Protein backbone atom coordinates (compact mmCIF):
# COMPACT_ATOMS: atom_id res chain seq x y z
CA MET A 1 10.72 32.32 17.71
CA LYS A 2 14.27 33.58 17.99
CA MET A 3 14.10 34.76 14.39
CA TYR A 4 11.09 36.97 15.17
CA GLU A 5 12.81 38.35 18.24
CA ASP A 6 15.95 39.15 16.22
CA ARG A 7 13.85 40.94 13.59
CA ALA A 8 11.98 42.95 16.24
CA ALA A 9 15.30 43.93 17.81
CA GLU A 10 16.56 44.77 14.30
CA LYS A 11 19.43 42.26 14.59
CA ILE A 12 18.55 40.94 11.12
CA THR A 13 17.29 42.78 8.07
CA GLU A 14 13.78 42.51 6.67
CA ARG A 15 15.21 40.79 3.58
CA ASN A 16 17.01 38.12 5.63
CA PHE A 17 13.95 37.65 7.80
CA SER A 18 11.80 37.08 4.71
CA MET A 19 14.29 34.61 3.22
CA LEU A 20 14.53 32.62 6.45
CA SER A 21 10.78 32.72 6.98
CA THR A 22 10.15 31.41 3.45
CA LYS A 23 12.74 28.68 3.94
CA TYR A 24 11.11 27.52 7.19
CA GLN A 25 7.63 27.59 5.68
CA ASN A 26 8.80 25.49 2.73
CA GLU A 27 10.48 23.05 5.09
CA GLN A 28 7.29 22.74 7.14
CA ALA A 29 5.25 22.05 4.00
CA GLU A 30 7.72 19.34 2.90
CA LEU A 31 7.63 17.73 6.33
CA ALA A 32 3.83 17.78 6.38
CA GLU A 33 3.81 16.04 2.98
CA LYS A 34 6.31 13.43 4.20
CA ILE A 35 4.17 12.78 7.27
CA GLN A 36 1.11 12.24 5.09
CA THR A 37 3.01 9.85 2.81
CA LEU A 38 4.37 7.87 5.74
CA GLN A 39 0.93 7.66 7.34
CA LYS A 40 -0.50 6.22 4.10
CA ARG A 41 2.34 3.67 3.90
CA LEU A 42 1.79 2.71 7.54
CA ALA A 43 -1.96 2.24 6.99
CA LYS A 44 -1.28 0.08 3.93
CA SER A 45 1.25 -2.01 5.85
CA GLU A 46 -1.16 -2.48 8.75
CA GLN A 47 -3.89 -3.59 6.33
CA GLU A 48 -1.53 -6.08 4.68
CA ASN A 49 -0.58 -7.49 8.09
CA SER A 50 -4.24 -7.83 9.05
CA ASP A 51 -5.02 -9.57 5.77
CA ALA A 52 -2.07 -11.95 6.25
CA GLU A 53 -3.30 -12.85 9.73
CA LYS A 54 -6.80 -13.53 8.38
CA TRP A 55 -5.29 -15.72 5.63
CA ILE A 56 -3.26 -17.70 8.18
CA ALA A 57 -6.37 -18.24 10.32
CA LEU A 58 -8.24 -19.57 7.26
CA ILE A 59 -5.40 -21.89 6.31
CA LYS A 60 -5.21 -23.24 9.86
CA GLN A 61 -8.91 -24.11 9.71
CA TYR A 62 -8.35 -26.14 6.56
CA SER A 63 -4.82 -27.43 7.13
CA ASN A 64 -5.58 -31.06 6.24
CA PRO A 65 -8.63 -31.20 3.99
CA ALA A 66 -9.85 -34.65 3.07
CA GLU A 67 -11.32 -33.39 -0.20
CA LEU A 68 -11.83 -30.19 -2.17
CA THR A 69 -15.38 -29.10 -1.54
CA ALA A 70 -17.25 -26.05 -2.83
CA PRO A 71 -17.48 -24.45 0.65
CA PHE A 72 -13.74 -25.00 1.17
CA LEU A 73 -12.84 -23.38 -2.16
CA ASN A 74 -15.33 -20.52 -1.65
CA THR A 75 -13.71 -19.79 1.70
CA LEU A 76 -10.18 -19.57 0.29
CA ILE A 77 -10.73 -18.12 -3.19
CA GLU A 78 -12.05 -14.62 -3.81
CA LYS A 79 -12.31 -14.84 -7.59
CA ILE A 80 -11.03 -16.66 -10.66
CA VAL A 81 -10.33 -14.69 -13.84
CA VAL A 82 -10.29 -16.65 -17.12
CA HIS A 83 -8.73 -14.74 -20.02
CA ASN A 84 -9.46 -15.19 -23.71
CA ALA A 85 -7.78 -18.12 -25.37
CA VAL A 86 -4.88 -17.43 -27.73
CA ILE A 87 -3.53 -19.65 -30.50
CA ASN A 88 0.28 -19.45 -30.48
CA ALA A 89 2.65 -19.86 -33.45
CA ASP A 90 2.74 -23.66 -32.99
CA GLY A 91 -1.04 -23.83 -33.32
CA GLU A 92 -1.48 -24.67 -29.65
CA ARG A 93 -4.29 -23.05 -27.70
CA GLU A 94 -3.22 -21.22 -24.54
CA GLN A 95 -5.47 -19.64 -21.96
CA GLU A 96 -4.41 -17.74 -18.85
CA VAL A 97 -6.29 -18.36 -15.61
CA GLU A 98 -5.73 -16.14 -12.55
CA ILE A 99 -6.70 -17.27 -9.06
CA HIS A 100 -7.16 -14.45 -6.52
CA TYR A 101 -7.15 -15.70 -2.95
CA ARG A 102 -9.00 -13.99 -0.11
CA PHE A 103 -6.98 -11.41 1.82
CA ILE A 104 -3.76 -11.93 -0.16
CA GLY A 105 -4.78 -11.54 -3.78
CA LYS A 106 -3.13 -13.17 -6.77
CA ILE A 107 0.02 -15.19 -6.23
CA ASP A 108 2.43 -15.19 -9.17
């Protein structure tokens, strides 16, 4: 606001006013972009926290299972990915299996 007042009172030149105005507009655009990035990160973090809480609640329900049953496994596991088998240099067959758990995904 002061910048506009100084320009109106001819305390600064049109050229300096334009340079400062451009600088402030660029700064505002950068800050708006940073805000958007931080909001996305916050939303992702909140989702991860929610998923972790859901996972903990599931684990508490099944903390001491007597046996592995289909309903128990269906509750904890989202999907299982079985990759193509590969024969290595020693002639042994290897096959990768990925287990993706509900709410937390694949654990390496």
